[in-house]
Protein backbone atom coordinates (compact mmCIF):
# COMPACT_ATOMS: atom_id res chain seq x y z
CA LYS A 1 12.09 -14.61 -5.58
CA GLN A 2 10.83 -12.27 -2.57
CA LYS A 3 13.15 -9.49 -3.64
CA THR A 4 12.27 -9.59 -7.30
CA ALA A 5 8.46 -9.56 -6.52
CA TYR A 6 8.82 -6.75 -3.97
CA GLU A 7 10.65 -4.59 -6.59
CA ILE A 8 7.40 -4.61 -8.46
CA SER A 9 5.41 -3.31 -5.65
CA ALA A 10 5.77 -3.21 -1.85
CA CYS A 11 2.06 -4.00 -1.38
CA LEU A 12 0.83 -6.50 -3.88
CA VAL A 13 3.53 -8.98 -4.78
CA GLY A 14 3.45 -10.00 -8.47
CA SER A 15 -0.18 -9.19 -8.95
CA GLU A 16 -1.52 -8.17 -12.40
CA MET A 17 -3.43 -5.21 -10.80
CA CYS A 18 -0.01 -4.00 -9.17
CA ILE A 19 1.75 -4.17 -12.65
CA ARG A 20 -1.15 -2.33 -14.26
CA ASP A 21 -1.48 0.39 -11.75
CA SER A 22 2.30 0.90 -11.42
CA TRP A 23 2.67 1.44 -15.19
CA GLY A 24 -0.58 3.42 -15.69
CA ASN A 25 0.13 5.86 -12.81
CA GLN A 26 3.77 6.74 -13.70
CA ASN A 27 2.47 10.13 -14.76
CA ILE A 28 1.89 11.01 -11.14
CA TYR A 29 5.54 11.15 -10.71
CA GLY A 30 5.93 13.17 -13.85
CA GLN A 31 6.80 10.25 -16.02
CA GLN A 32 4.76 8.89 -18.95
CA PRO A 33 4.85 5.00 -19.57
CA SER A 34 6.88 4.08 -22.48
CA LYS A 35 5.10 3.23 -25.73
CA GLN A 36 6.04 -0.47 -25.07
CA LYS A 37 4.56 -0.37 -21.53
CA GLN A 38 1.33 1.34 -22.94
CA LYS A 39 1.18 -1.42 -25.33
CA HIS A 40 1.54 -4.22 -22.80
CA LEU A 41 -0.91 -2.13 -20.48
CA SER A 42 -3.61 -2.24 -23.26
CA GLU A 43 -2.94 -5.98 -24.02
CA LEU A 44 -3.25 -6.90 -20.24
CA GLU A 45 -6.64 -5.11 -20.22
CA GLU A 46 -7.73 -6.87 -23.36
CA GLY A 47 -6.45 -10.24 -22.18
CA LYS A 48 -4.00 -10.52 -25.02
CA TYR A 49 -0.79 -10.16 -22.99
CA SER A 50 -0.25 -12.28 -19.87
CA LEU A 51 1.38 -11.21 -16.63
CA PHE A 52 3.56 -14.32 -16.93
CA LYS A 53 4.90 -13.12 -20.36
CA ILE A 54 5.67 -9.68 -18.87
CA ALA A 55 7.58 -11.38 -16.02
CA VAL A 56 9.44 -13.55 -18.57
CA LYS A 57 10.21 -10.56 -20.78
CA ASN A 58 11.65 -8.44 -18.00
CA GLY A 59 13.64 -11.25 -16.30
CA TRP A 60 11.30 -11.32 -13.17
CA GLN A 61 12.00 -15.12 -12.55
CA GLY A 62 10.65 -14.83 -9.06
CA VAL A 63 7.30 -13.64 -10.22
CA ALA A 64 7.18 -16.18 -13.01
CA TYR A 65 7.82 -19.08 -10.70
CA LEU A 66 5.45 -17.80 -8.07
CA MET A 67 2.76 -17.67 -10.68
CA LEU A 68 3.50 -21.41 -11.69
CA GLN A 69 3.39 -22.37 -8.03
CA SER A 70 0.02 -20.58 -7.87
CA GLY A 71 -1.46 -22.50 -10.66
CA TYR A 72 -0.65 -20.50 -13.95
CA ASP A 73 -1.30 -23.08 -16.81
CA LEU A 74 2.06 -24.65 -17.82
CA MET A 75 1.22 -24.91 -21.45
CA HIS A 76 0.42 -21.18 -21.63
CA ALA A 77 3.58 -20.62 -19.72
CA ILE A 78 5.68 -22.48 -22.37
CA MET A 79 3.97 -20.49 -25.07
CA ASP A 80 4.77 -17.33 -23.48
CA ALA A 81 8.52 -18.24 -23.04
CA MET A 82 8.51 -19.29 -26.86
CA SER A 83 6.99 -15.84 -27.93
CA GLU A 84 9.57 -14.10 -25.80
CA HIS A 85 12.35 -16.20 -27.26
CA LYS A 86 13.40 -17.52 -23.92
CA TYR A 87 14.33 -21.02 -25.26
CA GLN A 88 16.18 -22.22 -22.24
CA LEU A 89 13.19 -21.54 -20.09
CA VAL A 90 11.01 -23.45 -22.76
CA LEU A 91 13.10 -26.38 -22.22
CA THR A 92 13.13 -26.17 -18.46
CA LEU A 93 9.31 -25.95 -18.37
CA LEU A 94 8.94 -28.75 -20.76
CA TYR A 95 10.88 -30.92 -18.33
CA LYS A 96 8.92 -29.62 -15.49
CA THR A 97 5.88 -32.15 -15.91
CA ALA A 98 5.62 -35.68 -17.06
CA ASP A 99 1.95 -35.07 -17.96
CA ASN A 100 1.71 -35.39 -21.74
CA ALA A 101 -1.83 -34.11 -21.86
CA THR A 102 -0.79 -30.68 -20.68
CA ILE A 103 2.06 -30.47 -23.30
CA GLN A 104 -0.45 -31.45 -25.90
CA LYS A 105 -2.92 -28.79 -25.28
CA ALA A 106 -3.72 -25.91 -27.70
CA ASN A 107 -4.57 -22.31 -27.15
CA ASN A 108 -7.79 -20.33 -28.04
CA GLU A 109 -6.52 -20.20 -31.61
CA LYS A 110 -6.14 -23.88 -31.73
CA GLN A 111 -2.30 -23.69 -31.78
CA ASN A 112 -0.29 -26.12 -29.98
CA LEU A 113 3.33 -25.95 -28.89
CA PHE A 114 4.49 -27.01 -32.44
CA HIS A 115 2.51 -24.14 -34.01
CA VAL A 116 3.97 -21.62 -31.56
CA PHE A 117 7.48 -22.88 -31.85
CA ALA A 118 7.33 -22.78 -35.63
CA ILE A 119 6.30 -19.10 -35.42
CA ASN A 120 8.85 -18.02 -32.81
CA GLY A 121 11.76 -20.48 -32.87
CA SER A 122 13.56 -19.84 -36.09
CA LYS A 123 16.30 -17.84 -34.35
CA ALA A 124 16.77 -20.17 -31.48
CA PRO A 125 20.30 -21.81 -31.08
CA LYS A 126 20.64 -25.09 -32.85
CA ASP A 127 21.38 -27.00 -29.69
CA LEU A 128 18.16 -25.83 -28.07
CA THR A 129 16.12 -26.08 -31.11
CA GLU A 130 17.06 -29.85 -31.42
CA LYS A 131 16.24 -30.55 -27.77
CA ILE A 132 12.85 -28.70 -27.75
CA VAL A 133 11.71 -30.36 -31.07
CA LYS A 134 12.87 -33.71 -29.80
CA GLU A 135 11.00 -33.28 -26.61
CA LEU A 136 7.81 -32.10 -28.33
CA LYS A 137 7.92 -35.23 -30.47
CA ARG A 138 8.62 -37.46 -27.57
CA ARG A 139 5.51 -36.03 -25.88
CA ASP A 140 3.30 -36.78 -28.94
CA VAL A 141 2.40 -32.98 -29.69
CA ASP A 142 0.56 -33.19 -32.98
CA TYR A 143 2.34 -31.43 -35.79
CA ASN A 144 -0.32 -32.08 -38.18
CA SER A 145 -3.09 -30.34 -36.41
CA GLN A 146 -4.66 -27.29 -37.93
CA ASP A 147 -5.27 -23.99 -36.10
CA ASN A 148 -8.04 -21.63 -36.64
CA LEU A 149 -6.45 -20.35 -39.85
CA GLY A 150 -6.32 -23.88 -41.21
CA ARG A 151 -2.41 -23.93 -40.54
CA THR A 152 -0.22 -26.77 -39.50
CA ALA A 153 3.24 -26.24 -37.91
CA LEU A 154 4.83 -26.94 -41.37
CA HIS A 155 2.87 -23.75 -42.65
CA TYR A 156 4.52 -21.62 -40.23
CA ALA A 157 7.87 -23.11 -40.37
CA ALA A 158 7.88 -22.57 -44.07
CA GLU A 159 6.61 -19.07 -43.84
CA LYS A 160 9.50 -18.40 -41.52
CA ASN A 161 12.03 -20.34 -43.46
CA PHE A 162 12.57 -22.41 -40.20
CA THR A 163 14.94 -24.87 -41.96
CA PHE A 164 15.67 -27.39 -39.19
CA LEU A 165 11.97 -27.52 -38.35
CA ILE A 166 10.90 -28.05 -41.97
CA GLN A 167 13.36 -30.93 -42.36
CA THR A 168 12.30 -32.51 -39.12
CA LEU A 169 8.68 -32.30 -39.96
CA GLN A 170 9.22 -33.69 -43.36
CA GLU A 171 10.84 -36.71 -41.88
CA GLY A 172 7.49 -37.53 -40.28
CA ASN A 173 4.06 -37.96 -41.83
CA VAL A 174 3.29 -34.33 -42.98
CA ASN A 175 1.34 -33.26 -45.94
CA PRO A 176 3.18 -30.64 -47.97
CA ASN A 177 -0.08 -30.05 -49.83
CA GLN A 178 -2.32 -29.19 -46.88
CA GLN A 179 -4.13 -25.88 -47.73
CA ASP A 180 -4.94 -23.29 -45.07
CA LEU A 181 -8.19 -21.13 -45.17
CA LYS A 182 -6.51 -18.84 -47.98
CA GLY A 183 -5.59 -21.70 -50.06
CA HIS A 184 -1.95 -21.65 -49.22
CA THR A 185 0.22 -24.81 -48.83
CA PRO A 186 3.40 -25.04 -46.78
CA PHE A 187 5.22 -25.02 -50.21
CA THR A 188 3.47 -21.81 -51.51
CA LEU A 189 4.26 -20.00 -48.32
CA LEU A 190 7.89 -20.99 -48.77
CA LEU A 191 7.83 -19.77 -52.25
CA MET A 192 6.58 -16.35 -51.18
CA ASN A 193 9.57 -15.93 -48.90
CA GLN A 194 12.09 -14.64 -51.48
CA MET A 195 15.01 -15.28 -48.98
CA ALA A 196 14.22 -19.00 -49.12
CA ILE A 197 15.32 -20.20 -52.58
CA HIS A 198 17.69 -22.73 -51.02
CA GLY A 199 14.97 -23.77 -48.75
CA VAL A 200 12.68 -24.46 -51.73
CA GLN A 201 15.21 -26.81 -53.16
CA GLU A 202 15.61 -28.62 -49.91
CA PHE A 203 11.80 -28.72 -49.47
CA ILE A 204 11.35 -30.45 -52.83
CA LYS A 205 14.27 -32.74 -52.29
CA ASN A 206 13.17 -33.95 -48.84
CA SER A 207 9.57 -34.17 -49.48
CA LYS A 208 8.19 -37.77 -49.14
CA THR A 209 5.12 -37.19 -51.29
CA SER A 210 4.74 -35.32 -54.61
CA ILE A 211 3.99 -31.67 -54.43
CA ASP A 212 0.89 -30.67 -56.21
CA ALA A 213 0.75 -27.97 -58.82
CA VAL A 214 0.21 -24.70 -56.99
CA SER A 215 -1.66 -21.51 -57.73
CA TYR A 216 0.69 -18.70 -58.26
CA THR A 217 -1.92 -15.87 -57.80
CA HIS A 218 -0.14 -14.36 -54.79
CA LEU A 219 3.46 -14.73 -56.22
CA THR A 220 5.51 -12.20 -58.06
CA LEU A 221 6.90 -13.08 -61.47
CA PRO A 222 10.58 -13.04 -60.33
CA THR A 223 9.71 -15.58 -57.56
CA ILE A 224 7.96 -17.85 -60.07
CA TYR A 225 10.98 -17.76 -62.27
CA SER A 226 13.32 -18.59 -59.45
CA VAL A 227 10.92 -21.49 -58.31
CA GLN A 228 11.02 -22.94 -61.87
CA ILE A 229 14.81 -22.80 -61.92
CA SER A 230 15.06 -24.51 -58.51
CA VAL A 231 12.66 -27.26 -59.54
CA VAL A 232 14.67 -28.00 -62.68
CA ALA A 233 17.94 -27.97 -60.69
CA VAL A 234 16.58 -30.40 -58.14
CA SER A 235 15.20 -32.71 -60.88
CA LEU A 236 18.56 -32.76 -62.70
CA LYS A 237 20.35 -33.67 -59.43
CA LYS A 238 17.89 -36.53 -58.67
CA LYS A 239 18.59 -37.91 -62.19
C-alpha cells in the first residue's frame, strides 16, 4: 500500500491535490498530459470523476483501500468500481459491509446500484454477474426505483440488451410498461436496439404482465417490421 501511494507522489500520499498537480504540471518536464488525463483532470475539478475511480482505473489498490479506511463512501466506491468494469472489486466491496442501508443508497442522479450495474455490467463474466445480482437482491436494493430520468434498472438493462439482468428482473415484480421522462418503456428501448431481436422475443415471452401498445415515433421502419415478426413468432410458439 505504501509503495503504491508513494509512487503517486513522495509528498502527499494519495491526495486529490497531488494527482491533479502531478498531471497538470507534466509540461514542466517537457511532457503534456494525455487527452485521457486532461479529461480526468477536468472531471476532477468539476467533481464528476472521483479520485477513488482514478485509483481503481489505474490499479492503485493501495490508494483505493487507504481512501476507504479514511471514510470514502462505500456505495460510491462500488459505483466507481462498476463504472470501471472492476467486477471482482464490486463483489469484494459488497461483502465488506453488513449494513444494507449503505448498499441501498442512491447517488445524486437518484441511481442506486441496480441502475449503475444495468448501465455498466453487460460485459461482466457470467459467474460474477450472477453473484453481484444475487447480492443486490439479497440486500433489498430497489430495482423498481426511478432515477432523475424516470428510468428503472430495467430501462437501462433493456437499452444495453443486458439479457441476464433483464430476465432476472422480469422474474421479480417489475413493470415493463413504466415510462421514463421521454415516454420510453423498457420494451421500446429494447426495440430501438437493432442488435436485440432475440432479446425482444425473450422479453415478450418472459413478461409476467401484458405489454402495452407502444409509440413507434422514435423507431425506424425496419425495426418496426422486425418487431412485428418477433411478436408473431412468439405468439405462435405460445399457442
